[in-house]
Amino acid sequence: MKPSYKDFDATELFCLKCARTVPVRKRLLLILSEGEKYDYSCVYCGTSVGDKLVKETANAKILLR
């Protein structure tokens, strides 16, 4: 049986500075050998409210020049 979803993205998270649940912006923070690390930040104050590591499922190759 195939999974019914591939990946989830957060749309709202709790911001400690704003003291409420807020919409978030997702931005690529790092590209690592085990996957891509994303940072979620508050749209109102810009505080980082979470992160996410998306692991590569296929045999990805990194090209260094």
N, C-alpha and C. Protein backbone atom coordinates (compact mmCIF):
# COMPACT_ATOMS: atom_id res chain seq x y z
N MET A 1 0.85 -1.18 0.00
CA MET A 1 0.00 0.00 0.00
C MET A 1 0.89 1.24 0.00
N LYS A 2 0.59 2.18 -0.89
CA LYS A 2 1.36 3.41 -1.00
C LYS A 2 0.94 4.40 0.08
N PRO A 3 1.90 5.16 0.59
CA PRO A 3 1.52 6.19 1.56
C PRO A 3 0.64 7.26 0.90
N SER A 4 -0.29 7.81 1.65
CA SER A 4 -1.22 8.79 1.09
C SER A 4 -0.66 10.22 1.13
N TYR A 5 0.50 10.39 1.72
CA TYR A 5 1.12 11.71 1.75
C TYR A 5 2.62 11.55 1.54
N LYS A 6 3.26 12.63 1.10
CA LYS A 6 4.70 12.60 0.88
C LYS A 6 5.42 13.43 1.94
N ASP A 7 4.90 14.61 2.21
CA ASP A 7 5.58 15.53 3.11
C ASP A 7 4.59 16.55 3.66
N PHE A 8 4.84 17.03 4.86
CA PHE A 8 4.01 18.07 5.45
C PHE A 8 4.81 19.35 5.61
N ASP A 9 4.16 20.49 5.44
CA ASP A 9 4.76 21.79 5.70
C ASP A 9 3.89 22.52 6.73
N ALA A 10 4.54 23.14 7.69
CA ALA A 10 3.81 23.90 8.71
C ALA A 10 3.29 25.20 8.11
N THR A 11 2.07 25.57 8.45
CA THR A 11 1.51 26.85 8.02
C THR A 11 1.41 27.81 9.20
N GLU A 12 1.22 27.26 10.41
CA GLU A 12 1.16 28.07 11.63
C GLU A 12 1.88 27.34 12.75
N LEU A 13 2.64 28.10 13.55
CA LEU A 13 3.33 27.57 14.72
C LEU A 13 3.22 28.60 15.84
N PHE A 14 3.50 28.17 17.07
CA PHE A 14 3.44 29.09 18.21
C PHE A 14 4.72 29.91 18.29
N CYS A 15 4.59 31.22 18.39
CA CYS A 15 5.73 32.13 18.52
C CYS A 15 5.81 32.59 19.98
N LEU A 16 6.96 32.34 20.62
CA LEU A 16 7.14 32.74 22.01
C LEU A 16 7.14 34.26 22.18
N LYS A 17 7.71 34.97 21.22
CA LYS A 17 7.80 36.43 21.31
C LYS A 17 6.41 37.08 21.16
N CYS A 18 5.62 36.59 20.22
CA CYS A 18 4.26 37.13 20.01
C CYS A 18 3.25 36.51 20.97
N ALA A 19 3.61 35.39 21.61
CA ALA A 19 2.76 34.68 22.57
C ALA A 19 1.44 34.22 21.97
N ARG A 20 1.50 33.77 20.71
CA ARG A 20 0.30 33.23 20.05
C ARG A 20 0.71 32.41 18.84
N THR A 21 -0.24 31.71 18.29
CA THR A 21 -0.01 30.96 17.07
C THR A 21 -0.01 31.93 15.90
N VAL A 22 1.01 31.82 15.04
CA VAL A 22 1.18 32.78 13.95
C VAL A 22 1.48 32.04 12.64
N PRO A 23 1.17 32.67 11.51
CA PRO A 23 1.61 32.11 10.23
C PRO A 23 3.14 32.14 10.17
N VAL A 24 3.70 31.21 9.42
CA VAL A 24 5.16 31.12 9.33
C VAL A 24 5.64 31.17 7.89
N ARG A 25 6.90 31.58 7.74
CA ARG A 25 7.59 31.53 6.44
C ARG A 25 8.61 30.42 6.50
N LYS A 26 8.68 29.65 5.45
CA LYS A 26 9.66 28.56 5.37
C LYS A 26 10.78 29.00 4.44
N ARG A 27 12.03 28.85 4.91
CA ARG A 27 13.16 29.18 4.04
C ARG A 27 14.24 28.12 4.19
N LEU A 28 14.93 27.88 3.10
CA LEU A 28 16.02 26.91 3.09
C LEU A 28 17.18 27.46 3.89
N LEU A 29 17.63 26.70 4.88
CA LEU A 29 18.70 27.15 5.76
C LEU A 29 20.03 26.53 5.37
N LEU A 30 20.06 25.20 5.20
CA LEU A 30 21.29 24.48 4.86
C LEU A 30 20.99 23.33 3.92
N ILE A 31 21.97 23.01 3.09
CA ILE A 31 21.90 21.79 2.29
C ILE A 31 22.97 20.86 2.86
N LEU A 32 22.54 19.79 3.47
CA LEU A 32 23.43 18.84 4.13
C LEU A 32 23.50 17.55 3.35
N SER A 33 24.46 16.71 3.68
CA SER A 33 24.59 15.43 2.98
C SER A 33 23.38 14.52 3.25
N GLU A 34 22.75 14.66 4.42
CA GLU A 34 21.58 13.83 4.73
C GLU A 34 20.26 14.45 4.31
N GLY A 35 20.27 15.68 3.82
CA GLY A 35 19.04 16.31 3.36
C GLY A 35 19.11 17.83 3.44
N GLU A 36 17.95 18.46 3.32
CA GLU A 36 17.85 19.92 3.34
C GLU A 36 17.22 20.36 4.65
N LYS A 37 17.82 21.36 5.30
CA LYS A 37 17.29 21.88 6.56
C LYS A 37 16.59 23.20 6.29
N TYR A 38 15.34 23.28 6.72
CA TYR A 38 14.52 24.48 6.55
C TYR A 38 14.26 25.14 7.90
N ASP A 39 14.10 26.46 7.89
CA ASP A 39 13.79 27.22 9.08
C ASP A 39 12.41 27.83 8.91
N TYR A 40 11.60 27.75 9.96
CA TYR A 40 10.29 28.40 9.98
C TYR A 40 10.38 29.64 10.86
N SER A 41 9.97 30.80 10.33
CA SER A 41 10.03 32.04 11.10
C SER A 41 8.67 32.72 11.12
N CYS A 42 8.42 33.45 12.20
CA CYS A 42 7.17 34.19 12.41
C CYS A 42 7.06 35.30 11.36
N VAL A 43 5.90 35.45 10.74
CA VAL A 43 5.72 36.50 9.73
C VAL A 43 5.63 37.89 10.35
N TYR A 44 5.33 37.98 11.64
CA TYR A 44 5.16 39.28 12.29
C TYR A 44 6.47 39.82 12.87
N CYS A 45 7.22 38.99 13.61
CA CYS A 45 8.42 39.49 14.28
C CYS A 45 9.72 38.89 13.72
N GLY A 46 9.63 37.84 12.90
CA GLY A 46 10.81 37.25 12.29
C GLY A 46 11.55 36.25 13.15
N THR A 47 11.04 35.97 14.35
CA THR A 47 11.69 35.01 15.24
C THR A 47 11.60 33.60 14.67
N SER A 48 12.68 32.85 14.80
CA SER A 48 12.67 31.45 14.38
C SER A 48 11.79 30.66 15.34
N VAL A 49 10.81 29.94 14.79
CA VAL A 49 9.87 29.19 15.63
C VAL A 49 9.97 27.68 15.41
N GLY A 50 10.84 27.25 14.52
CA GLY A 50 11.01 25.82 14.29
C GLY A 50 11.89 25.55 13.10
N ASP A 51 12.23 24.28 12.93
CA ASP A 51 13.00 23.87 11.76
C ASP A 51 12.57 22.48 11.33
N LYS A 52 13.07 22.08 10.17
CA LYS A 52 12.66 20.80 9.59
C LYS A 52 13.80 20.28 8.73
N LEU A 53 14.07 18.98 8.84
CA LEU A 53 15.08 18.34 8.00
C LEU A 53 14.35 17.41 7.04
N VAL A 54 14.48 17.70 5.74
CA VAL A 54 13.86 16.87 4.70
C VAL A 54 14.94 15.95 4.18
N LYS A 55 14.79 14.65 4.48
CA LYS A 55 15.78 13.68 4.06
C LYS A 55 15.53 13.24 2.63
N GLU A 56 16.61 13.10 1.89
CA GLU A 56 16.52 12.66 0.50
C GLU A 56 16.16 11.18 0.46
N THR A 57 15.17 10.82 -0.35
CA THR A 57 14.77 9.43 -0.46
C THR A 57 15.51 8.73 -1.59
N ALA A 58 15.80 9.45 -2.64
CA ALA A 58 16.53 8.88 -3.78
C ALA A 58 18.03 9.00 -3.52
N ASN A 59 18.80 8.34 -4.32
CA ASN A 59 20.25 8.43 -4.21
C ASN A 59 20.71 9.74 -4.83
N ALA A 60 20.69 10.78 -4.05
CA ALA A 60 21.09 12.10 -4.53
C ALA A 60 22.60 12.21 -4.52
N LYS A 61 23.13 12.86 -5.53
CA LYS A 61 24.57 13.05 -5.61
C LYS A 61 24.86 14.54 -5.51
N ILE A 62 25.88 14.86 -4.73
CA ILE A 62 26.29 16.25 -4.56
C ILE A 62 27.47 16.51 -5.47
N LEU A 63 27.38 17.55 -6.25
CA LEU A 63 28.44 17.92 -7.18
C LEU A 63 29.25 19.06 -6.57
N LEU A 64 30.53 18.80 -6.35
CA LEU A 64 31.43 19.82 -5.81
C LEU A 64 32.38 20.25 -6.90
N ARG A 65 32.56 21.55 -7.04
CA ARG A 65 33.48 22.07 -8.06
C ARG A 65 34.52 22.93 -7.42
